[in-house]
N, C-alpha and C. Protein backbone atom coordinates (compact mmCIF):
# COMPACT_ATOMS: atom_id res chain seq x y z
N MET A 1 0.85 -1.18 0.00
CA MET A 1 0.00 0.00 0.00
C MET A 1 0.89 1.24 0.00
N LEU A 2 0.49 2.22 -0.75
CA LEU A 2 1.19 3.50 -0.83
C LEU A 2 0.65 4.40 0.27
N PHE A 3 1.51 4.76 1.20
CA PHE A 3 1.10 5.57 2.34
C PHE A 3 1.42 7.04 2.09
N HIS A 4 0.46 7.90 2.37
CA HIS A 4 0.70 9.33 2.29
C HIS A 4 1.41 9.76 3.56
N THR A 5 2.44 10.57 3.40
CA THR A 5 3.22 11.00 4.55
C THR A 5 3.59 12.47 4.40
N SER A 6 4.34 12.96 5.38
CA SER A 6 4.72 14.37 5.36
C SER A 6 6.15 14.51 5.86
N GLU A 7 6.64 15.73 5.77
CA GLU A 7 8.00 16.06 6.22
C GLU A 7 8.23 15.66 7.67
N LYS A 8 7.21 15.79 8.47
CA LYS A 8 7.29 15.46 9.90
C LYS A 8 7.77 14.02 10.13
N TYR A 9 7.33 13.10 9.28
CA TYR A 9 7.64 11.68 9.45
C TYR A 9 8.82 11.21 8.59
N PHE A 10 9.41 12.11 7.82
CA PHE A 10 10.46 11.70 6.89
C PHE A 10 11.69 11.12 7.58
N PRO A 11 12.11 11.62 8.74
CA PRO A 11 13.25 10.97 9.42
C PRO A 11 12.98 9.49 9.73
N GLU A 12 11.76 9.16 10.09
CA GLU A 12 11.41 7.76 10.35
C GLU A 12 11.45 6.93 9.06
N ILE A 13 11.04 7.54 7.96
CA ILE A 13 11.06 6.86 6.67
C ILE A 13 12.50 6.58 6.26
N LEU A 14 13.37 7.56 6.45
CA LEU A 14 14.79 7.35 6.13
C LEU A 14 15.39 6.27 7.02
N GLU A 15 15.01 6.25 8.26
CA GLU A 15 15.48 5.21 9.18
C GLU A 15 15.01 3.84 8.70
N GLU A 16 13.78 3.77 8.25
CA GLU A 16 13.23 2.52 7.73
C GLU A 16 14.03 2.01 6.53
N SER A 17 14.59 2.94 5.75
CA SER A 17 15.36 2.55 4.56
C SER A 17 16.66 1.83 4.89
N LYS A 18 17.02 1.79 6.17
CA LYS A 18 18.20 1.01 6.58
C LYS A 18 17.89 -0.49 6.52
N LYS A 19 16.61 -0.83 6.67
CA LYS A 19 16.20 -2.24 6.68
C LYS A 19 15.74 -2.71 5.30
N ASN A 20 14.90 -1.92 4.66
CA ASN A 20 14.35 -2.26 3.35
C ASN A 20 14.36 -1.01 2.47
N PRO A 21 14.42 -1.20 1.15
CA PRO A 21 14.32 -0.03 0.27
C PRO A 21 12.99 0.68 0.49
N VAL A 22 13.01 1.99 0.33
CA VAL A 22 11.81 2.82 0.48
C VAL A 22 11.64 3.64 -0.78
N LEU A 23 10.47 3.53 -1.36
CA LEU A 23 10.11 4.27 -2.57
C LEU A 23 9.27 5.47 -2.15
N VAL A 24 9.65 6.67 -2.59
CA VAL A 24 8.90 7.88 -2.24
C VAL A 24 8.47 8.58 -3.53
N ASP A 25 7.18 8.75 -3.64
CA ASP A 25 6.56 9.42 -4.79
C ASP A 25 6.26 10.86 -4.39
N PHE A 26 6.91 11.81 -5.05
CA PHE A 26 6.62 13.23 -4.83
C PHE A 26 5.61 13.64 -5.89
N TYR A 27 4.47 14.16 -5.45
CA TYR A 27 3.36 14.43 -6.35
C TYR A 27 2.66 15.73 -5.96
N ALA A 28 1.73 16.13 -6.81
CA ALA A 28 0.82 17.23 -6.51
C ALA A 28 -0.57 16.81 -6.98
N SER A 29 -1.58 17.23 -6.26
CA SER A 29 -2.95 16.81 -6.59
C SER A 29 -3.40 17.32 -7.96
N TRP A 30 -2.83 18.40 -8.42
CA TRP A 30 -3.20 18.98 -9.72
C TRP A 30 -2.45 18.35 -10.90
N CYS A 31 -1.50 17.47 -10.61
CA CYS A 31 -0.65 16.86 -11.64
C CYS A 31 -1.30 15.60 -12.21
N MET A 32 -1.71 15.66 -13.48
CA MET A 32 -2.38 14.51 -14.09
C MET A 32 -1.47 13.28 -14.20
N PRO A 33 -0.20 13.41 -14.64
CA PRO A 33 0.66 12.21 -14.66
C PRO A 33 0.84 11.60 -13.26
N CYS A 34 0.81 12.44 -12.24
CA CYS A 34 0.90 11.92 -10.86
C CYS A 34 -0.31 11.07 -10.53
N ARG A 35 -1.47 11.52 -10.96
CA ARG A 35 -2.71 10.76 -10.69
C ARG A 35 -2.72 9.43 -11.42
N ILE A 36 -2.10 9.40 -12.59
CA ILE A 36 -2.01 8.16 -13.36
C ILE A 36 -1.02 7.20 -12.71
N LEU A 37 0.07 7.74 -12.20
CA LEU A 37 1.11 6.91 -11.60
C LEU A 37 0.71 6.34 -10.24
N GLU A 38 -0.03 7.08 -9.46
CA GLU A 38 -0.33 6.67 -8.09
C GLU A 38 -0.94 5.27 -7.98
N PRO A 39 -1.98 4.92 -8.75
CA PRO A 39 -2.53 3.55 -8.61
C PRO A 39 -1.53 2.48 -9.01
N LYS A 40 -0.65 2.80 -9.96
CA LYS A 40 0.39 1.83 -10.35
C LYS A 40 1.34 1.58 -9.19
N LEU A 41 1.76 2.65 -8.54
CA LEU A 41 2.66 2.50 -7.40
C LEU A 41 1.98 1.80 -6.24
N ASP A 42 0.69 2.07 -6.07
CA ASP A 42 -0.07 1.41 -5.02
C ASP A 42 -0.11 -0.10 -5.26
N THR A 43 -0.38 -0.50 -6.48
CA THR A 43 -0.41 -1.92 -6.84
C THR A 43 0.97 -2.54 -6.65
N PHE A 44 1.98 -1.85 -7.13
CA PHE A 44 3.35 -2.33 -6.98
C PHE A 44 3.70 -2.55 -5.51
N SER A 45 3.36 -1.58 -4.67
CA SER A 45 3.70 -1.69 -3.25
C SER A 45 2.94 -2.81 -2.56
N GLU A 46 1.74 -3.13 -3.03
CA GLU A 46 1.00 -4.26 -2.47
C GLU A 46 1.66 -5.59 -2.84
N ILE A 47 2.18 -5.68 -4.04
CA ILE A 47 2.85 -6.90 -4.49
C ILE A 47 4.15 -7.12 -3.72
N TYR A 48 4.90 -6.05 -3.50
CA TYR A 48 6.22 -6.16 -2.88
C TYR A 48 6.24 -5.66 -1.43
N TYR A 49 5.11 -5.70 -0.76
CA TYR A 49 5.01 -5.10 0.57
C TYR A 49 6.00 -5.67 1.59
N GLN A 50 6.45 -6.88 1.42
CA GLN A 50 7.40 -7.47 2.37
C GLN A 50 8.84 -7.05 2.08
N GLN A 51 9.07 -6.51 0.90
CA GLN A 51 10.44 -6.19 0.50
C GLN A 51 10.70 -4.69 0.37
N ILE A 52 9.66 -3.91 0.30
CA ILE A 52 9.82 -2.48 0.08
C ILE A 52 8.65 -1.73 0.71
N SER A 53 8.93 -0.51 1.15
CA SER A 53 7.86 0.37 1.64
C SER A 53 7.68 1.48 0.62
N ALA A 54 6.47 1.98 0.52
CA ALA A 54 6.18 3.03 -0.46
C ALA A 54 5.37 4.15 0.19
N TYR A 55 5.80 5.36 -0.09
CA TYR A 55 5.17 6.55 0.48
C TYR A 55 4.97 7.59 -0.62
N SER A 56 4.04 8.48 -0.38
CA SER A 56 3.86 9.61 -1.29
C SER A 56 3.88 10.90 -0.47
N VAL A 57 4.46 11.94 -1.06
CA VAL A 57 4.60 13.24 -0.41
C VAL A 57 4.03 14.29 -1.34
N ASN A 58 3.09 15.07 -0.84
CA ASN A 58 2.48 16.15 -1.62
C ASN A 58 3.41 17.36 -1.56
N ILE A 59 3.93 17.77 -2.71
CA ILE A 59 4.90 18.87 -2.72
C ILE A 59 4.26 20.21 -2.37
N ASP A 60 2.95 20.32 -2.53
CA ASP A 60 2.28 21.59 -2.19
C ASP A 60 2.20 21.79 -0.68
N THR A 61 2.08 20.71 0.06
CA THR A 61 2.00 20.84 1.52
C THR A 61 3.35 20.61 2.19
N ASP A 62 4.29 20.02 1.47
CA ASP A 62 5.63 19.76 2.01
C ASP A 62 6.70 20.35 1.08
N ALA A 63 6.60 21.64 0.87
CA ALA A 63 7.49 22.33 -0.07
C ALA A 63 8.95 22.27 0.36
N LYS A 64 9.22 22.32 1.66
CA LYS A 64 10.62 22.28 2.12
C LYS A 64 11.28 20.95 1.76
N LEU A 65 10.54 19.87 1.91
CA LEU A 65 11.06 18.55 1.56
C LEU A 65 11.29 18.46 0.05
N ALA A 66 10.37 18.98 -0.71
CA ALA A 66 10.51 19.00 -2.17
C ALA A 66 11.72 19.83 -2.58
N GLU A 67 11.92 20.93 -1.91
CA GLU A 67 13.08 21.77 -2.21
C GLU A 67 14.38 21.05 -1.85
N TYR A 68 14.40 20.40 -0.71
CA TYR A 68 15.60 19.69 -0.26
C TYR A 68 16.02 18.62 -1.27
N TYR A 69 15.05 17.90 -1.81
CA TYR A 69 15.34 16.85 -2.79
C TYR A 69 15.30 17.36 -4.23
N GLN A 70 15.23 18.67 -4.39
CA GLN A 70 15.28 19.33 -5.69
C GLN A 70 14.25 18.76 -6.68
N ILE A 71 13.02 18.70 -6.21
CA ILE A 71 11.94 18.22 -7.06
C ILE A 71 11.55 19.33 -8.02
N LYS A 72 11.85 19.12 -9.29
CA LYS A 72 11.56 20.13 -10.31
C LYS A 72 10.54 19.65 -11.32
N ASN A 73 10.41 18.33 -11.45
CA ASN A 73 9.46 17.73 -12.39
C ASN A 73 8.54 16.79 -11.63
N LEU A 74 7.33 16.70 -12.12
CA LEU A 74 6.37 15.78 -11.51
C LEU A 74 5.87 14.81 -12.56
N PRO A 75 5.64 13.59 -12.14
CA PRO A 75 5.99 13.04 -10.84
C PRO A 75 7.49 12.77 -10.75
N THR A 76 7.99 12.78 -9.53
CA THR A 76 9.36 12.35 -9.24
C THR A 76 9.28 11.25 -8.19
N VAL A 77 9.93 10.15 -8.48
CA VAL A 77 9.96 9.02 -7.56
C VAL A 77 11.42 8.77 -7.20
N ILE A 78 11.69 8.69 -5.90
CA ILE A 78 13.05 8.45 -5.43
C ILE A 78 13.06 7.17 -4.60
N LEU A 79 14.02 6.33 -4.87
CA LEU A 79 14.22 5.11 -4.11
C LEU A 79 15.36 5.34 -3.13
N PHE A 80 15.09 5.09 -1.85
CA PHE A 80 16.08 5.27 -0.79
C PHE A 80 16.54 3.92 -0.26
N LYS A 81 17.82 3.83 0.02
CA LYS A 81 18.42 2.66 0.64
C LYS A 81 19.49 3.18 1.59
N ASN A 82 19.47 2.71 2.84
CA ASN A 82 20.43 3.18 3.84
C ASN A 82 20.44 4.70 3.96
N GLN A 83 19.26 5.26 3.94
CA GLN A 83 19.00 6.70 4.13
C GLN A 83 19.50 7.57 2.98
N GLN A 84 19.88 6.96 1.88
CA GLN A 84 20.39 7.72 0.74
C GLN A 84 19.54 7.45 -0.50
N PRO A 85 19.34 8.48 -1.33
CA PRO A 85 18.68 8.24 -2.61
C PRO A 85 19.61 7.42 -3.52
N VAL A 86 19.09 6.33 -4.06
CA VAL A 86 19.91 5.48 -4.93
C VAL A 86 19.40 5.43 -6.36
N GLN A 87 18.17 5.85 -6.55
CA GLN A 87 17.60 5.90 -7.90
C GLN A 87 16.53 6.98 -7.92
N ARG A 88 16.43 7.65 -9.05
CA ARG A 88 15.46 8.74 -9.18
C ARG A 88 14.84 8.68 -10.57
N TRP A 89 13.52 8.75 -10.61
CA TRP A 89 12.79 8.82 -11.87
C TRP A 89 12.02 10.13 -11.89
N GLU A 90 12.14 10.88 -12.95
CA GLU A 90 11.43 12.16 -13.06
C GLU A 90 10.46 12.11 -14.23
N LYS A 91 9.59 11.15 -14.15
CA LYS A 91 8.59 10.95 -15.20
C LYS A 91 7.59 9.92 -14.70
N GLU A 92 6.58 9.72 -15.47
CA GLU A 92 5.68 8.61 -15.17
C GLU A 92 6.41 7.34 -15.58
N ILE A 93 6.66 6.47 -14.63
CA ILE A 93 7.44 5.27 -14.89
C ILE A 93 6.55 4.05 -14.91
N SER A 94 7.03 3.04 -15.57
CA SER A 94 6.25 1.81 -15.64
C SER A 94 6.61 0.90 -14.47
N ILE A 95 5.70 0.03 -14.15
CA ILE A 95 5.95 -0.94 -13.08
C ILE A 95 7.13 -1.84 -13.44
N PRO A 96 7.26 -2.31 -14.70
CA PRO A 96 8.44 -3.12 -15.01
C PRO A 96 9.77 -2.38 -14.79
N GLU A 97 9.79 -1.06 -15.03
CA GLU A 97 11.00 -0.29 -14.76
C GLU A 97 11.34 -0.32 -13.27
N ILE A 98 10.33 -0.14 -12.46
CA ILE A 98 10.55 -0.15 -11.01
C ILE A 98 10.96 -1.55 -10.56
N GLU A 99 10.24 -2.56 -11.03
CA GLU A 99 10.54 -3.94 -10.64
C GLU A 99 11.97 -4.31 -10.98
N LYS A 100 12.42 -3.92 -12.15
CA LYS A 100 13.78 -4.24 -12.59
C LYS A 100 14.80 -3.69 -11.59
N PHE A 101 14.61 -2.47 -11.19
CA PHE A 101 15.57 -1.88 -10.27
C PHE A 101 15.44 -2.45 -8.86
N ILE A 102 14.21 -2.65 -8.42
CA ILE A 102 13.98 -3.19 -7.06
C ILE A 102 14.57 -4.59 -6.93
N LYS A 103 14.39 -5.42 -7.94
CA LYS A 103 14.93 -6.77 -7.88
C LYS A 103 16.44 -6.74 -7.78
N PHE A 104 17.05 -5.74 -8.37
CA PHE A 104 18.49 -5.56 -8.26
C PHE A 104 18.88 -5.16 -6.84
N MET A 105 18.01 -4.41 -6.16
CA MET A 105 18.30 -3.88 -4.83
C MET A 105 18.09 -4.90 -3.71
N ILE A 106 17.15 -5.82 -3.88
CA ILE A 106 16.80 -6.72 -2.78
C ILE A 106 17.47 -8.08 -2.92
């Protein structure tokens, strides 16, 4: 399941990435490609729920976090491992693209 989160909980999410990869979707409610991507990421996270965690962050309500990670295009998806970004997609990505990289990580 894709969990909506905020800047307040991001330190815990980074801590979680020490155990399992964490996928973070930076989105905006007005972004049509973001709306298309969200159900795909939700399905993906349900399939791989034991191996990866997935979160989404609204850049309109968490602008500081978006600025910190230099989110300039939407959607942007960042994969974290050991509290560090290890992969970044700045487009609507396919599930096979994500799966390919995740299988390499786990």
